[in-house]
């Protein structure tokens, strides 16, 4: 009888300009098995060279010496299949929205606990979109905003709008909830969650929860 092999470690690249913070992230990665930091960069220029390594996940700061971290996100998405989890001290509305609009898969603040960071990594790799509560407020505000209306909108546009329940589900995902957690929060079955998710993906023309959240407030 063969012994099942251990799962491959998660390959992580870190883009952060502060040496002390890089060491802190390294310590956090060492707290859990299966997290392999393959490279680190202190700025955008160096970080751009890490895309060819095709890590599973980028941990990225926003305020870098040569620009904003979210400016690199589209290049990462175009160059490899890596997820991007922003970990920044900036929690203002403009920065959060720009980062998520650029394609970041999650947004955590640096005052998050080590376990919250590890959980955020797991949620991101699982297709979720973890957002720190202080930053999620801005995302929820955007989701609550009424959709613009126009007498020239075709009926298909009206049909494509998310229902109240679908919007509530999207908010739950924005808070980092899993399918089961969202089902409990909304008092519906996981099967019903799956039905709503399919409708959301169809209406927004996306294939993942993180893409659905981004597309909802881009619209």
Protein backbone atom coordinates (compact mmCIF):
# COMPACT_ATOMS: atom_id res chain seq x y z
CA UNK A 1 0.00 0.00 0.00
CA UNK A 2 1.47 3.31 -1.06
CA UNK A 3 1.55 6.30 1.25
CA UNK A 4 -0.26 9.31 -0.23
CA UNK A 5 2.17 12.08 -1.09
CA UNK A 6 1.94 15.42 0.70
CA UNK A 7 0.34 18.25 -1.27
CA UNK A 8 2.72 20.58 -3.05
CA UNK A 9 3.59 23.68 -1.00
CA UNK A 10 2.01 27.00 -1.88
CA UNK A 11 4.62 29.05 -3.74
CA UNK A 12 4.52 32.65 -2.50
CA UNK A 13 6.26 35.79 -3.74
CA UNK A 14 6.41 38.87 -1.51
CA UNK A 15 6.64 42.45 -2.78
CA UNK A 16 7.28 44.72 0.21
CA UNK A 17 9.80 47.53 0.64
CA UNK A 18 10.28 47.37 4.42
CA UNK A 19 12.85 44.70 5.45
CA UNK A 20 11.26 44.29 8.88
CA UNK A 21 7.85 43.64 7.32
CA UNK A 22 9.35 41.12 4.89
CA UNK A 23 10.87 39.27 7.85
CA UNK A 24 7.51 39.41 9.64
CA UNK A 25 5.76 37.87 6.65
CA UNK A 26 8.43 35.18 6.52
CA UNK A 27 7.76 34.36 10.16
CA UNK A 28 4.03 34.11 9.48
CA UNK A 29 4.63 31.76 6.54
CA UNK A 30 6.73 29.60 8.87
CA UNK A 31 3.80 29.24 11.28
CA UNK A 32 1.94 26.89 8.94
CA UNK A 33 3.12 23.98 6.83
CA UNK A 34 2.99 24.17 3.08
CA UNK A 35 3.95 27.82 2.58
CA UNK A 36 7.11 28.28 0.54
CA UNK A 37 8.37 31.84 -0.02
CA UNK A 38 10.21 31.52 -3.32
CA UNK A 39 11.24 35.17 -3.81
CA UNK A 40 10.96 38.67 -2.40
CA UNK A 41 11.21 42.12 -3.96
CA UNK A 42 11.44 45.62 -2.44
CA UNK A 43 9.88 47.55 -5.34
CA UNK A 44 7.84 47.32 -8.53
CA UNK A 45 10.81 47.02 -10.86
CA UNK A 46 12.20 44.00 -9.03
CA UNK A 47 8.74 42.57 -8.44
CA UNK A 48 8.04 42.67 -12.16
CA UNK A 49 10.86 40.17 -12.62
CA UNK A 50 9.13 37.69 -10.29
CA UNK A 51 6.18 37.22 -12.63
CA UNK A 52 8.19 34.75 -14.72
CA UNK A 53 8.53 32.54 -11.63
CA UNK A 54 4.75 31.97 -11.77
CA UNK A 55 4.14 31.70 -8.01
CA UNK A 56 0.76 30.63 -6.72
CA UNK A 57 0.30 33.87 -4.80
CA UNK A 58 1.76 37.37 -4.57
CA UNK A 59 1.65 39.14 -1.21
CA UNK A 60 1.94 42.78 -2.20
CA UNK A 61 2.20 46.15 -0.50
CA UNK A 62 0.69 49.30 -2.01
CA UNK A 63 3.15 52.07 -1.12
CA UNK A 64 6.37 51.08 -2.89
CA UNK A 65 9.37 53.32 -3.67
CA UNK A 66 8.72 53.37 -7.41
CA UNK A 67 4.93 53.39 -7.53
CA UNK A 68 1.71 51.84 -6.29
CA UNK A 69 1.51 48.08 -5.91
CA UNK A 70 -1.86 47.87 -7.61
CA UNK A 71 -0.28 49.17 -10.84
CA UNK A 72 1.53 45.84 -11.15
CA UNK A 73 -1.57 43.68 -10.67
CA UNK A 74 -2.72 43.72 -14.34
CA UNK A 75 0.78 42.70 -15.45
CA UNK A 76 0.77 39.81 -12.99
CA UNK A 77 -2.63 38.66 -14.19
CA UNK A 78 -1.52 38.87 -17.82
CA UNK A 79 1.78 37.08 -17.19
CA UNK A 80 0.82 34.16 -14.96
CA UNK A 81 -2.05 32.52 -13.06
CA UNK A 82 -0.99 33.83 -9.64
CA UNK A 83 -3.48 35.22 -7.16
CA UNK A 84 -2.70 38.66 -5.69
CA UNK A 85 -3.40 39.43 -2.04
CA UNK A 86 -2.77 43.05 -1.08
CA UNK A 87 -1.49 43.60 2.47
CA UNK A 88 -1.18 47.32 3.09
CA UNK A 89 -1.34 49.97 5.76
CA UNK A 90 -3.49 52.10 3.40
CA UNK A 91 -7.18 51.51 4.06
CA UNK A 92 -8.75 54.56 2.42
CA UNK A 93 -11.63 54.18 -0.02
CA UNK A 94 -9.72 55.30 -3.13
CA UNK A 95 -6.83 52.88 -2.60
CA UNK A 96 -9.04 49.90 -1.78
CA UNK A 97 -11.27 50.42 -4.81
CA UNK A 98 -8.33 51.00 -7.16
CA UNK A 99 -6.59 47.84 -5.96
CA UNK A 100 -9.64 45.62 -6.36
CA UNK A 101 -10.56 47.24 -9.67
CA UNK A 102 -7.03 46.52 -10.92
CA UNK A 103 -7.65 42.82 -10.32
CA UNK A 104 -6.37 42.14 -6.79
CA UNK A 105 -7.99 39.04 -5.32
CA UNK A 106 -8.11 40.31 -1.75
CA UNK A 107 -7.22 43.27 0.46
CA UNK A 108 -5.98 42.96 4.04
CA UNK A 109 -4.62 45.65 6.31
CA UNK A 110 -1.24 45.23 7.95
CA UNK A 111 -2.79 45.26 11.40
CA UNK A 112 -4.38 41.89 10.58
CA UNK A 113 -3.29 39.12 12.92
CA UNK A 114 -0.94 36.39 11.65
CA UNK A 115 -3.84 33.94 11.63
CA UNK A 116 -6.01 36.37 9.67
CA UNK A 117 -3.24 36.66 7.09
CA UNK A 118 -2.90 32.88 6.83
CA UNK A 119 -6.68 32.55 6.56
CA UNK A 120 -6.68 35.27 3.90
CA UNK A 121 -4.12 33.35 1.88
CA UNK A 122 -6.20 30.17 2.10
CA UNK A 123 -9.40 31.99 1.13
CA UNK A 124 -7.67 33.68 -1.82
CA UNK A 125 -6.24 30.41 -3.13
CA UNK A 126 -9.69 28.84 -2.75
CA UNK A 127 -11.15 31.45 -5.08
CA UNK A 128 -12.50 33.77 -2.40
CA UNK A 129 -11.90 37.47 -1.91
CA UNK A 130 -10.84 38.26 1.67
CA UNK A 131 -11.19 41.92 2.60
CA UNK A 132 -10.40 43.42 6.00
CA UNK A 133 -13.59 44.72 7.67
CA UNK A 134 -12.33 48.32 7.65
CA UNK A 135 -11.76 48.10 3.89
CA UNK A 136 -14.90 46.06 3.16
CA UNK A 137 -17.04 49.03 4.19
CA UNK A 138 -16.14 50.79 0.93
CA UNK A 139 -16.93 47.71 -1.15
CA UNK A 140 -20.28 47.29 0.55
CA UNK A 141 -21.09 50.96 -0.05
CA UNK A 142 -20.51 50.41 -3.74
CA UNK A 143 -22.70 47.33 -3.79
CA UNK A 144 -25.47 49.18 -1.94
CA UNK A 145 -25.43 52.07 -4.40
CA UNK A 146 -28.48 51.97 -6.72
CA UNK A 147 -27.75 50.99 -10.29
CA UNK A 148 -28.00 53.92 -12.72
CA UNK A 149 -31.13 53.88 -14.83
CA UNK A 150 -31.78 55.29 -18.27
CA UNK A 151 -34.85 55.26 -20.54
CA UNK A 152 -32.58 54.04 -23.31
CA UNK A 153 -31.47 50.90 -21.45
CA UNK A 154 -32.53 47.73 -23.27
CA UNK A 155 -34.66 45.19 -21.42
CA UNK A 156 -31.73 42.76 -21.33
CA UNK A 157 -29.92 45.18 -19.03
CA UNK A 158 -32.82 45.08 -16.59
CA UNK A 159 -32.88 41.28 -16.72
CA UNK A 160 -29.16 41.19 -15.95
CA UNK A 161 -29.40 43.15 -12.69
CA UNK A 162 -28.64 41.20 -9.55
CA UNK A 163 -31.54 40.40 -7.26
CA UNK A 164 -31.48 41.49 -3.62
CA UNK A 165 -30.57 37.96 -2.51
CA UNK A 166 -27.78 37.74 -5.08
CA UNK A 167 -26.40 41.07 -3.87
CA UNK A 168 -26.56 39.88 -0.25
CA UNK A 169 -24.65 36.76 -1.24
CA UNK A 170 -22.03 38.84 -3.01
CA UNK A 171 -21.64 40.95 0.13
CA UNK A 172 -21.08 37.78 2.17
CA UNK A 173 -18.36 36.67 -0.23
CA UNK A 174 -16.79 40.15 -0.04
CA UNK A 175 -16.51 39.62 3.72
CA UNK A 176 -14.57 36.42 3.09
CA UNK A 177 -17.36 33.96 3.91
CA UNK A 178 -17.29 30.48 2.38
CA UNK A 179 -20.31 28.89 0.66
CA UNK A 180 -21.39 27.21 3.92
CA UNK A 181 -20.85 30.36 6.00
CA UNK A 182 -22.80 32.44 3.49
CA UNK A 183 -25.62 29.88 3.55
CA UNK A 184 -25.83 30.10 7.34
CA UNK A 185 -25.69 33.91 7.32
CA UNK A 186 -28.52 34.16 4.78
CA UNK A 187 -30.49 31.23 6.25
CA UNK A 188 -30.52 29.32 2.98
CA UNK A 189 -29.15 25.93 1.95
CA UNK A 190 -25.70 25.49 0.33
CA UNK A 191 -27.53 24.16 -2.72
CA UNK A 192 -29.46 27.43 -3.00
CA UNK A 193 -26.19 29.32 -2.66
CA UNK A 194 -24.86 27.35 -5.62
CA UNK A 195 -27.93 28.24 -7.66
CA UNK A 196 -27.52 31.94 -6.88
CA UNK A 197 -23.80 31.79 -7.68
CA UNK A 198 -24.51 30.36 -11.12
CA UNK A 199 -26.98 33.18 -11.76
CA UNK A 200 -24.47 35.80 -10.59
CA UNK A 201 -21.72 34.36 -12.81
CA UNK A 202 -24.09 34.32 -15.80
CA UNK A 203 -25.32 37.88 -15.27
CA UNK A 204 -21.87 39.35 -14.65
CA UNK A 205 -20.15 37.08 -17.21
CA UNK A 206 -17.47 35.90 -14.77
CA UNK A 207 -16.13 32.57 -13.54
CA UNK A 208 -15.05 33.17 -9.93
CA UNK A 209 -16.23 34.86 -6.74
CA UNK A 210 -13.41 37.40 -6.78
CA UNK A 211 -14.20 38.34 -10.40
CA UNK A 212 -17.90 38.64 -9.49
CA UNK A 213 -17.16 41.04 -6.63
CA UNK A 214 -14.91 43.21 -8.79
CA UNK A 215 -17.34 43.24 -11.70
CA UNK A 216 -20.24 44.19 -9.43
CA UNK A 217 -18.74 47.49 -8.35
CA UNK A 218 -17.08 48.18 -11.70
CA UNK A 219 -20.60 48.16 -13.14
